[in-house]
Amino acid sequence: MPSSSIALHQVVTQSPDLVATSIEGQTALMSIENGAYYGMDPVGSRIWALIEQPRAGSAVVDQLLREFSVERTVCEQQVLAFLQKLAETNLVRVLDDASR
């Protein structure tokens, strides 16, 4: 489990070795490493789609603000919490290079 929290400037991307499918606007994942299934609601599914390619958390927030009616601080907190949960279960990789 990661010892530090994810920050908005950090670049995240989907971990390899996951099987993902979309069902009625929601994403279902199977982690081969964890041997577990994960389900995401529509907003989580959108975040998942946004990090298909490496992307900074702040870029994810900026995109969500264009698509949803939500305050920036609330969006930032929820995106960071969601990415942290994904990182704790090895569903995303946090990249050291924040230059993207």
PDB file of N, CA and C in Angstrom:
ATOM      1  N   MET A   1       0.847  -1.181   0.000  1.00  0.00           N
ATOM      2  CA  MET A   1       0.000   0.000   0.000  1.00  0.00           C
ATOM      3  C   MET A   1       0.889   1.239   0.000  1.00  0.00           C
ATOM      4  N   PRO A   2       0.595   2.230  -0.853  1.00  0.00           N
ATOM      5  CA  PRO A   2       1.426   3.418  -0.894  1.00  0.00           C
ATOM      6  C   PRO A   2       1.420   4.134   0.444  1.00  0.00           C
ATOM      7  N   SER A   3       2.593   4.663   0.811  1.00  0.00           N
ATOM      8  CA  SER A   3       2.698   5.319   2.110  1.00  0.00           C
ATOM      9  C   SER A   3       2.338   6.793   2.033  1.00  0.00           C
ATOM     10  N   SER A   4       2.282   7.364   0.828  1.00  0.00           N
ATOM     11  CA  SER A   4       1.945   8.771   0.719  1.00  0.00           C
ATOM     12  C   SER A   4       0.714   8.961  -0.142  1.00  0.00           C
ATOM     13  N   SER A   5       0.103  10.113   0.023  1.00  0.00           N
ATOM     14  CA  SER A   5      -1.107  10.428  -0.721  1.00  0.00           C
ATOM     15  C   SER A   5      -0.756  10.939  -2.113  1.00  0.00           C
ATOM     16  N   ILE A   6      -1.682  10.734  -3.022  1.00  0.00           N
ATOM     17  CA  ILE A   6      -1.529  11.251  -4.373  1.00  0.00           C
ATOM     18  C   ILE A   6      -1.814  12.746  -4.346  1.00  0.00           C
ATOM     19  N   ALA A   7      -1.029  13.499  -5.113  1.00  0.00           N
ATOM     20  CA  ALA A   7      -1.226  14.947  -5.237  1.00  0.00           C
ATOM     21  C   ALA A   7      -1.703  15.262  -6.652  1.00  0.00           C
ATOM     22  N   LEU A   8      -2.353  16.399  -6.807  1.00  0.00           N
ATOM     23  CA  LEU A   8      -2.914  16.779  -8.106  1.00  0.00           C
ATOM     24  C   LEU A   8      -1.868  16.897  -9.207  1.00  0.00           C
ATOM     25  N   HIS A   9      -0.643  17.255  -8.859  1.00  0.00           N
ATOM     26  CA  HIS A   9       0.380  17.427  -9.889  1.00  0.00           C
ATOM     27  C   HIS A   9       0.932  16.088 -10.399  1.00  0.00           C
ATOM     28  N   GLN A  10       0.687  15.019  -9.667  1.00  0.00           N
ATOM     29  CA  GLN A  10       1.242  13.725 -10.059  1.00  0.00           C
ATOM     30  C   GLN A  10       0.488  13.139 -11.245  1.00  0.00           C
ATOM     31  N   VAL A  11       1.246  12.430 -12.074  1.00  0.00           N
ATOM     32  CA  VAL A  11       0.690  11.799 -13.262  1.00  0.00           C
ATOM     33  C   VAL A  11       0.307  10.367 -12.914  1.00  0.00           C
ATOM     34  N   VAL A  12      -0.909   9.988 -13.293  1.00  0.00           N
ATOM     35  CA  VAL A  12      -1.403   8.639 -13.034  1.00  0.00           C
ATOM     36  C   VAL A  12      -1.849   8.009 -14.348  1.00  0.00           C
ATOM     37  N   THR A  13      -1.832   6.695 -14.375  1.00  0.00           N
ATOM     38  CA  THR A  13      -2.319   5.962 -15.534  1.00  0.00           C
ATOM     39  C   THR A  13      -2.822   4.601 -15.080  1.00  0.00           C
ATOM     40  N   GLN A  14      -3.631   3.978 -15.909  1.00  0.00           N
ATOM     41  CA  GLN A  14      -4.154   2.653 -15.592  1.00  0.00           C
ATOM     42  C   GLN A  14      -3.006   1.652 -15.484  1.00  0.00           C
ATOM     43  N   SER A  15      -3.107   0.738 -14.548  1.00  0.00           N
ATOM     44  CA  SER A  15      -2.125  -0.333 -14.426  1.00  0.00           C
ATOM     45  C   SER A  15      -2.348  -1.348 -15.538  1.00  0.00           C
ATOM     46  N   PRO A  16      -1.269  -1.988 -15.978  1.00  0.00           N
ATOM     47  CA  PRO A  16      -1.436  -3.049 -16.971  1.00  0.00           C
ATOM     48  C   PRO A  16      -2.028  -4.290 -16.293  1.00  0.00           C
ATOM     49  N   ASP A  17      -2.328  -5.284 -17.078  1.00  0.00           N
ATOM     50  CA  ASP A  17      -2.838  -6.565 -16.567  1.00  0.00           C
ATOM     51  C   ASP A  17      -4.210  -6.451 -15.922  1.00  0.00           C
ATOM     52  N   LEU A  18      -5.007  -5.490 -16.386  1.00  0.00           N
ATOM     53  CA  LEU A  18      -6.386  -5.393 -15.936  1.00  0.00           C
ATOM     54  C   LEU A  18      -7.286  -5.705 -17.119  1.00  0.00           C
ATOM     55  N   VAL A  19      -8.358  -6.393 -16.842  1.00  0.00           N
ATOM     56  CA  VAL A  19      -9.370  -6.629 -17.856  1.00  0.00           C
ATOM     57  C   VAL A  19     -10.514  -5.682 -17.521  1.00  0.00           C
ATOM     58  N   ALA A  20     -10.879  -4.822 -18.483  1.00  0.00           N
ATOM     59  CA  ALA A  20     -11.927  -3.834 -18.237  1.00  0.00           C
ATOM     60  C   ALA A  20     -13.006  -3.933 -19.303  1.00  0.00           C
ATOM     61  N   THR A  21     -14.229  -3.671 -18.892  1.00  0.00           N
ATOM     62  CA  THR A  21     -15.347  -3.618 -19.826  1.00  0.00           C
ATOM     63  C   THR A  21     -16.317  -2.545 -19.359  1.00  0.00           C
ATOM     64  N   SER A  22     -17.054  -1.993 -20.301  1.00  0.00           N
ATOM     65  CA  SER A  22     -18.049  -0.991 -19.982  1.00  0.00           C
ATOM     66  C   SER A  22     -19.437  -1.601 -20.142  1.00  0.00           C
ATOM     67  N   ILE A  23     -20.246  -1.443 -19.105  1.00  0.00           N
ATOM     68  CA  ILE A  23     -21.602  -1.978 -19.107  1.00  0.00           C
ATOM     69  C   ILE A  23     -22.550  -0.842 -18.740  1.00  0.00           C
ATOM     70  N   GLU A  24     -23.345  -0.400 -19.701  1.00  0.00           N
ATOM     71  CA  GLU A  24     -24.317   0.673 -19.471  1.00  0.00           C
ATOM     72  C   GLU A  24     -23.685   1.904 -18.815  1.00  0.00           C
ATOM     73  N   GLY A  25     -22.540   2.340 -19.341  1.00  0.00           N
ATOM     74  CA  GLY A  25     -21.885   3.542 -18.846  1.00  0.00           C
ATOM     75  C   GLY A  25     -21.077   3.364 -17.583  1.00  0.00           C
ATOM     76  N   GLN A  26     -20.963   2.139 -17.110  1.00  0.00           N
ATOM     77  CA  GLN A  26     -20.173   1.876 -15.912  1.00  0.00           C
ATOM     78  C   GLN A  26     -19.062   0.894 -16.259  1.00  0.00           C
ATOM     79  N   THR A  27     -17.922   1.063 -15.614  1.00  0.00           N
ATOM     80  CA  THR A  27     -16.766   0.217 -15.880  1.00  0.00           C
ATOM     81  C   THR A  27     -16.670  -0.889 -14.849  1.00  0.00           C
ATOM     82  N   ALA A  28     -16.393  -2.077 -15.335  1.00  0.00           N
ATOM     83  CA  ALA A  28     -16.111  -3.224 -14.467  1.00  0.00           C
ATOM     84  C   ALA A  28     -14.689  -3.664 -14.763  1.00  0.00           C
ATOM     85  N   LEU A  29     -13.904  -3.873 -13.716  1.00  0.00           N
ATOM     86  CA  LEU A  29     -12.504  -4.272 -13.851  1.00  0.00           C
ATOM     87  C   LEU A  29     -12.268  -5.614 -13.191  1.00  0.00           C
ATOM     88  N   MET A  30     -11.370  -6.371 -13.771  1.00  0.00           N
ATOM     89  CA  MET A  30     -10.882  -7.599 -13.141  1.00  0.00           C
ATOM     90  C   MET A  30      -9.378  -7.441 -13.013  1.00  0.00           C
ATOM     91  N   SER A  31      -8.903  -7.483 -11.793  1.00  0.00           N
ATOM     92  CA  SER A  31      -7.470  -7.405 -11.539  1.00  0.00           C
ATOM     93  C   SER A  31      -6.919  -8.816 -11.455  1.00  0.00           C
ATOM     94  N   ILE A  32      -6.062  -9.139 -12.390  1.00  0.00           N
ATOM     95  CA  ILE A  32      -5.430 -10.452 -12.377  1.00  0.00           C
ATOM     96  C   ILE A  32      -4.513 -10.564 -11.156  1.00  0.00           C
ATOM     97  N   GLU A  33      -3.798  -9.472 -10.867  1.00  0.00           N
ATOM     98  CA  GLU A  33      -2.873  -9.442  -9.723  1.00  0.00           C
ATOM     99  C   GLU A  33      -3.608  -9.661  -8.408  1.00  0.00           C
ATOM    100  N   ASN A  34      -4.749  -8.972  -8.217  1.00  0.00           N
ATOM    101  CA  ASN A  34      -5.495  -9.059  -6.967  1.00  0.00           C
ATOM    102  C   ASN A  34      -6.497 -10.206  -6.961  1.00  0.00           C
ATOM    103  N   GLY A  35      -6.832 -10.719  -8.143  1.00  0.00           N
ATOM    104  CA  GLY A  35      -7.864 -11.747  -8.237  1.00  0.00           C
ATOM    105  C   GLY A  35      -9.224 -11.239  -7.794  1.00  0.00           C
ATOM    106  N   ALA A  36      -9.504  -9.960  -8.110  1.00  0.00           N
ATOM    107  CA  ALA A  36     -10.740  -9.346  -7.641  1.00  0.00           C
ATOM    108  C   ALA A  36     -11.394  -8.547  -8.755  1.00  0.00           C
ATOM    109  N   TYR A  37     -12.711  -8.377  -8.616  1.00  0.00           N
ATOM    110  CA  TYR A  37     -13.491  -7.540  -9.517  1.00  0.00           C
ATOM    111  C   TYR A  37     -13.764  -6.209  -8.846  1.00  0.00           C
ATOM    112  N   TYR A  38     -13.833  -5.148  -9.663  1.00  0.00           N
ATOM    113  CA  TYR A  38     -14.138  -3.808  -9.164  1.00  0.00           C
ATOM    114  C   TYR A  38     -15.170  -3.178 -10.089  1.00  0.00           C
ATOM    115  N   GLY A  39     -16.135  -2.475  -9.527  1.00  0.00           N
ATOM    116  CA  GLY A  39     -17.131  -1.763 -10.313  1.00  0.00           C
ATOM    117  C   GLY A  39     -17.011  -0.274 -10.076  1.00  0.00           C
ATOM    118  N   MET A  40     -17.226   0.508 -11.127  1.00  0.00           N
ATOM    119  CA  MET A  40     -17.142   1.963 -11.020  1.00  0.00           C
ATOM    120  C   MET A  40     -18.443   2.590 -11.490  1.00  0.00           C
ATOM    121  N   ASP A  41     -18.889   3.612 -10.765  1.00  0.00           N
ATOM    122  CA  ASP A  41     -20.070   4.362 -11.183  1.00  0.00           C
ATOM    123  C   ASP A  41     -19.709   5.207 -12.412  1.00  0.00           C
ATOM    124  N   PRO A  42     -20.672   5.920 -12.998  1.00  0.00           N
ATOM    125  CA  PRO A  42     -20.370   6.685 -14.212  1.00  0.00           C
ATOM    126  C   PRO A  42     -19.247   7.719 -14.058  1.00  0.00           C
ATOM    127  N   VAL A  43     -19.169   8.403 -12.924  1.00  0.00           N
ATOM    128  CA  VAL A  43     -18.094   9.392 -12.749  1.00  0.00           C
ATOM    129  C   VAL A  43     -16.748   8.683 -12.604  1.00  0.00           C
ATOM    130  N   GLY A  44     -16.709   7.626 -11.804  1.00  0.00           N
ATOM    131  CA  GLY A  44     -15.479   6.843 -11.688  1.00  0.00           C
ATOM    132  C   GLY A  44     -15.069   6.273 -13.035  1.00  0.00           C
ATOM    133  N   SER A  45     -16.036   5.840 -13.815  1.00  0.00           N
ATOM    134  CA  SER A  45     -15.757   5.307 -15.149  1.00  0.00           C
ATOM    135  C   SER A  45     -15.168   6.383 -16.051  1.00  0.00           C
ATOM    136  N   ARG A  46     -15.649   7.618 -15.907  1.00  0.00           N
ATOM    137  CA  ARG A  46     -15.103   8.721 -16.705  1.00  0.00           C
ATOM    138  C   ARG A  46     -13.666   9.015 -16.300  1.00  0.00           C
ATOM    139  N   ILE A  47     -13.394   9.020 -15.008  1.00  0.00           N
ATOM    140  CA  ILE A  47     -12.021   9.225 -14.543  1.00  0.00           C
ATOM    141  C   ILE A  47     -11.136   8.113 -15.089  1.00  0.00           C
ATOM    142  N   TRP A  48     -11.631   6.886 -15.032  1.00  0.00           N
ATOM    143  CA  TRP A  48     -10.873   5.747 -15.538  1.00  0.00           C
ATOM    144  C   TRP A  48     -10.526   5.942 -17.017  1.00  0.00           C
ATOM    145  N   ALA A  49     -11.489   6.395 -17.790  1.00  0.00           N
ATOM    146  CA  ALA A  49     -11.247   6.637 -19.219  1.00  0.00           C
ATOM    147  C   ALA A  49     -10.213   7.748 -19.420  1.00  0.00           C
ATOM    148  N   LEU A  50     -10.273   8.767 -18.580  1.00  0.00           N
ATOM    149  CA  LEU A  50      -9.336   9.885 -18.713  1.00  0.00           C
ATOM    150  C   LEU A  50      -7.894   9.481 -18.417  1.00  0.00           C
ATOM    151  N   ILE A  51      -7.706   8.464 -17.584  1.00  0.00           N
ATOM    152  CA  ILE A  51      -6.324   8.057 -17.257  1.00  0.00           C
ATOM    153  C   ILE A  51      -5.888   6.837 -18.064  1.00  0.00           C
ATOM    154  N   GLU A  52      -6.579   6.584 -19.167  1.00  0.00           N
ATOM    155  CA  GLU A  52      -6.120   5.522 -20.064  1.00  0.00           C
ATOM    156  C   GLU A  52      -4.714   5.849 -20.551  1.00  0.00           C
ATOM    157  N   GLN A  53      -4.459   7.124 -20.801  1.00  0.00           N
ATOM    158  CA  GLN A  53      -3.123   7.629 -21.092  1.00  0.00           C
ATOM    159  C   GLN A  53      -2.661   8.387 -19.852  1.00  0.00           C
ATOM    160  N   PRO A  54      -1.356   8.413 -19.581  1.00  0.00           N
ATOM    161  CA  PRO A  54      -0.865   9.129 -18.393  1.00  0.00           C
ATOM    162  C   PRO A  54      -1.363  10.574 -18.370  1.00  0.00           C
ATOM    163  N   ARG A  55      -1.891  10.977 -17.219  1.00  0.00           N
ATOM    164  CA  ARG A  55      -2.466  12.313 -17.087  1.00  0.00           C
ATOM    165  C   ARG A  55      -2.328  12.772 -15.638  1.00  0.00           C
ATOM    166  N   ALA A  56      -2.017  14.043 -15.454  1.00  0.00           N
ATOM    167  CA  ALA A  56      -1.939  14.613 -14.109  1.00  0.00           C
ATOM    168  C   ALA A  56      -3.331  14.690 -13.500  1.00  0.00           C
ATOM    169  N   GLY A  57      -3.399  14.533 -12.196  1.00  0.00           N
ATOM    170  CA  GLY A  57      -4.679  14.644 -11.502  1.00  0.00           C
ATOM    171  C   GLY A  57      -5.350  15.975 -11.764  1.00  0.00           C
ATOM    172  N   SER A  58      -4.559  17.044 -11.863  1.00  0.00           N
ATOM    173  CA  SER A  58      -5.136  18.370 -12.128  1.00  0.00           C
ATOM    174  C   SER A  58      -5.798  18.423 -13.503  1.00  0.00           C
ATOM    175  N   ALA A  59      -5.254  17.698 -14.488  1.00  0.00           N
ATOM    176  CA  ALA A  59      -5.867  17.656 -15.822  1.00  0.00           C
ATOM    177  C   ALA A  59      -7.180  16.876 -15.781  1.00  0.00           C
ATOM    178  N   VAL A  60      -7.241  15.849 -14.959  1.00  0.00           N
ATOM    179  CA  VAL A  60      -8.485  15.097 -14.783  1.00  0.00           C
ATOM    180  C   VAL A  60      -9.551  16.013 -14.182  1.00  0.00           C
ATOM    181  N   VAL A  61      -9.175  16.762 -13.156  1.00  0.00           N
ATOM    182  CA  VAL A  61     -10.103  17.692 -12.515  1.00  0.00           C
ATOM    183  C   VAL A  61     -10.590  18.730 -13.526  1.00  0.00           C
ATOM    184  N   ASP A  62      -9.660  19.309 -14.282  1.00  0.00           N
ATOM    185  CA  ASP A  62     -10.042  20.327 -15.264  1.00  0.00           C
ATOM    186  C   ASP A  62     -11.062  19.781 -16.261  1.00  0.00           C
ATOM    187  N   GLN A  63     -10.852  18.561 -16.730  1.00  0.00           N
ATOM    188  CA  GLN A  63     -11.781  17.965 -17.686  1.00  0.00           C
ATOM    189  C   GLN A  63     -13.147  17.711 -17.041  1.00  0.00           C
ATOM    190  N   LEU A  64     -13.151  17.190 -15.836  1.00  0.00           N
ATOM    191  CA  LEU A  64     -14.423  16.922 -15.148  1.00  0.00           C
ATOM    192  C   LEU A  64     -15.206  18.205 -14.890  1.00  0.00           C
ATOM    193  N   LEU A  65     -14.501  19.300 -14.605  1.00  0.00           N
ATOM    194  CA  LEU A  65     -15.176  20.581 -14.379  1.00  0.00           C
ATOM    195  C   LEU A  65     -15.876  21.067 -15.643  1.00  0.00           C
ATOM    196  N   ARG A  66     -15.337  20.689 -16.815  1.00  0.00           N
ATOM    197  CA  ARG A  66     -15.984  21.048 -18.079  1.00  0.00           C
ATOM    198  C   ARG A  66     -17.224  20.193 -18.336  1.00  0.00           C
ATOM    199  N   GLU A  67     -17.252  19.001 -17.756  1.00  0.00           N
ATOM    200  CA  GLU A  67     -18.328  18.050 -18.047  1.00  0.00           C
ATOM    201  C   GLU A  67     -19.420  17.984 -16.984  1.00  0.00           C
ATOM    202  N   PHE A  68     -19.096  18.341 -15.746  1.00  0.00           N
ATOM    203  CA  PHE A  68     -20.038  18.203 -14.637  1.00  0.00           C
ATOM    204  C   PHE A  68     -20.178  19.517 -13.895  1.00  0.00           C
ATOM    205  N   SER A  69     -21.323  19.715 -13.280  1.00  0.00           N
ATOM    206  CA  SER A  69     -21.567  20.900 -12.468  1.00  0.00           C
ATOM    207  C   SER A  69     -21.132  20.585 -11.043  1.00  0.00           C
ATOM    208  N   VAL A  70     -19.911  20.973 -10.708  1.00  0.00           N
ATOM    209  CA  VAL A  70     -19.342  20.682  -9.392  1.00  0.00           C
ATOM    210  C   VAL A  70     -18.323  21.769  -9.059  1.00  0.00           C
ATOM    211  N   GLU A  71     -18.196  22.085  -7.789  1.00  0.00           N
ATOM    212  CA  GLU A  71     -17.203  23.064  -7.359  1.00  0.00           C
ATOM    213  C   GLU A  71     -15.808  22.466  -7.464  1.00  0.00           C
ATOM    214  N   ARG A  72     -14.835  23.309  -7.805  1.00  0.00           N
ATOM    215  CA  ARG A  72     -13.455  22.837  -7.989  1.00  0.00           C
ATOM    216  C   ARG A  72     -12.933  22.120  -6.747  1.00  0.00           C
ATOM    217  N   THR A  73     -13.115  22.690  -5.560  1.00  0.00           N
ATOM    218  CA  THR A  73     -12.541  22.070  -4.358  1.00  0.00           C
ATOM    219  C   THR A  73     -13.167  20.691  -4.096  1.00  0.00           C
ATOM    220  N   VAL A  74     -14.467  20.576  -4.324  1.00  0.00           N
ATOM    221  CA  VAL A  74     -15.138  19.289  -4.142  1.00  0.00           C
ATOM    222  C   VAL A  74     -14.621  18.288  -5.165  1.00  0.00           C
ATOM    223  N   CYS A  75     -14.507  18.726  -6.405  1.00  0.00           N
ATOM    224  CA  CYS A  75     -14.013  17.850  -7.472  1.00  0.00           C
ATOM    225  C   CYS A  75     -12.587  17.386  -7.166  1.00  0.00           C
ATOM    226  N   GLU A  76     -11.727  18.308  -6.756  1.00  0.00           N
ATOM    227  CA  GLU A  76     -10.335  17.955  -6.435  1.00  0.00           C
ATOM    228  C   GLU A  76     -10.286  16.907  -5.328  1.00  0.00           C
ATOM    229  N   GLN A  77     -11.057  17.127  -4.254  1.00  0.00           N
ATOM    230  CA  GLN A  77     -11.051  16.192  -3.129  1.00  0.00           C
ATOM    231  C   GLN A  77     -11.538  14.814  -3.553  1.00  0.00           C
ATOM    232  N   GLN A  78     -12.599  14.778  -4.342  1.00  0.00           N
ATOM    233  CA  GLN A  78     -13.156  13.493  -4.754  1.00  0.00           C
ATOM    234  C   GLN A  78     -12.266  12.766  -5.747  1.00  0.00           C
ATOM    235  N   VAL A  79     -11.653  13.493  -6.670  1.00  0.00           N
ATOM    236  CA  VAL A  79     -10.732  12.863  -7.624  1.00  0.00           C
ATOM    237  C   VAL A  79      -9.532  12.292  -6.882  1.00  0.00           C
ATOM    238  N   LEU A  80      -8.958  13.063  -5.974  1.00  0.00           N
ATOM    239  CA  LEU A  80      -7.797  12.577  -5.214  1.00  0.00           C
ATOM    240  C   LEU A  80      -8.157  11.352  -4.381  1.00  0.00           C
ATOM    241  N   ALA A  81      -9.312  11.358  -3.736  1.00  0.00           N
ATOM    242  CA  ALA A  81      -9.730  10.210  -2.927  1.00  0.00           C
ATOM    243  C   ALA A  81      -9.917   8.975  -3.809  1.00  0.00           C
ATOM    244  N   PHE A  82     -10.528   9.161  -4.980  1.00  0.00           N
ATOM    245  CA  PHE A  82     -10.762   8.051  -5.899  1.00  0.00           C
ATOM    246  C   PHE A  82      -9.427   7.498  -6.413  1.00  0.00           C
ATOM    247  N   LEU A  83      -8.527   8.379  -6.842  1.00  0.00           N
ATOM    248  CA  LEU A  83      -7.223   7.928  -7.343  1.00  0.00           C
ATOM    249  C   LEU A  83      -6.425   7.232  -6.245  1.00  0.00           C
ATOM    250  N   GLN A  84      -6.550   7.722  -5.008  1.00  0.00           N
ATOM    251  CA  GLN A  84      -5.856   7.094  -3.885  1.00  0.00           C
ATOM    252  C   GLN A  84      -6.355   5.667  -3.675  1.00  0.00           C
ATOM    253  N   LYS A  85      -7.676   5.475  -3.742  1.00  0.00           N
ATOM    254  CA  LYS A  85      -8.239   4.125  -3.598  1.00  0.00           C
ATOM    255  C   LYS A  85      -7.748   3.214  -4.711  1.00  0.00           C
ATOM    256  N   LEU A  86      -7.693   3.747  -5.936  1.00  0.00           N
ATOM    257  CA  LEU A  86      -7.191   2.947  -7.058  1.00  0.00           C
ATOM    258  C   LEU A  86      -5.721   2.581  -6.846  1.00  0.00           C
ATOM    259  N   ALA A  87      -4.938   3.524  -6.344  1.00  0.00           N
ATOM    260  CA  ALA A  87      -3.515   3.269  -6.106  1.00  0.00           C
ATOM    261  C   ALA A  87      -3.321   2.221  -5.010  1.00  0.00           C
ATOM    262  N   GLU A  88      -4.139   2.280  -3.971  1.00  0.00           N
ATOM    263  CA  GLU A  88      -4.013   1.338  -2.851  1.00  0.00           C
ATOM    264  C   GLU A  88      -4.315  -0.098  -3.271  1.00  0.00           C
ATOM    265  N   THR A  89      -5.089  -0.261  -4.335  1.00  0.00           N
ATOM    266  CA  THR A  89      -5.404  -1.602  -4.833  1.00  0.00           C
ATOM    267  C   THR A  89      -4.625  -1.923  -6.114  1.00  0.00           C
ATOM    268  N   ASN A  90      -3.612  -1.126  -6.401  1.00  0.00           N
ATOM    269  CA  ASN A  90      -2.732  -1.323  -7.562  1.00  0.00           C
ATOM    270  C   ASN A  90      -3.472  -1.301  -8.894  1.00  0.00           C
ATOM    271  N   LEU A  91      -4.538  -0.517  -8.974  1.00  0.00           N
ATOM    272  CA  LEU A  91      -5.271  -0.392 -10.229  1.00  0.00           C
ATOM    273  C   LEU A  91      -4.738   0.746 -11.098  1.00  0.00           C
ATOM    274  N   VAL A  92      -3.948   1.638 -10.492  1.00  0.00           N
ATOM    275  CA  VAL A  92      -3.289   2.705 -11.240  1.00  0.00           C
ATOM    276  C   VAL A  92      -1.818   2.739 -10.866  1.00  0.00           C
ATOM    277  N   ARG A  93      -1.054   3.337 -11.758  1.00  0.00           N
ATOM    278  CA  ARG A  93       0.355   3.610 -11.476  1.00  0.00           C
ATOM    279  C   ARG A  93       0.509   5.111 -11.309  1.00  0.00           C
ATOM    280  N   VAL A  94       1.253   5.498 -10.309  1.00  0.00           N
ATOM    281  CA  VAL A  94       1.595   6.906 -10.102  1.00  0.00           C
ATOM    282  C   VAL A  94       3.005   7.072 -10.654  1.00  0.00           C
ATOM    283  N   LEU A  95       3.122   7.930 -11.665  1.00  0.00           N
ATOM    284  CA  LEU A  95       4.396   8.125 -12.340  1.00  0.00           C
ATOM    285  C   LEU A  95       5.151   9.266 -11.697  1.00  0.00           C
ATOM    286  N   ASP A  96       6.470   9.144 -11.660  1.00  0.00           N
ATOM    287  CA  ASP A  96       7.297  10.196 -11.071  1.00  0.00           C
ATOM    288  C   ASP A  96       7.366  11.422 -11.967  1.00  0.00           C
ATOM    289  N   ASP A  97       7.219  11.225 -13.276  1.00  0.00           N
ATOM    290  CA  ASP A  97       7.355  12.311 -14.228  1.00  0.00           C
ATOM    291  C   ASP A  97       6.067  13.106 -14.316  1.00  0.00           C
ATOM    292  N   ALA A  98       6.075  14.322 -13.779  1.00  0.00           N
ATOM    293  CA  ALA A  98       4.895  15.182 -13.818  1.00  0.00           C
ATOM    294  C   ALA A  98       4.978  16.180 -14.956  1.00  0.00           C
ATOM    295  N   SER A  99       5.858  15.937 -15.920  1.00  0.00           N
ATOM    296  CA  SER A  99       6.067  16.912 -17.001  1.00  0.00           C
ATOM    297  C   SER A  99       5.104  16.764 -18.140  1.00  0.00           C
ATOM    298  N   ARG A 100       4.207  15.780 -18.108  1.00  0.00           N
ATOM    299  CA  ARG A 100       3.234  15.593 -19.195  1.00  0.00           C
ATOM    300  C   ARG A 100       2.170  16.647 -19.132  1.00  0.00           C
TER     301      ARG A 100
END
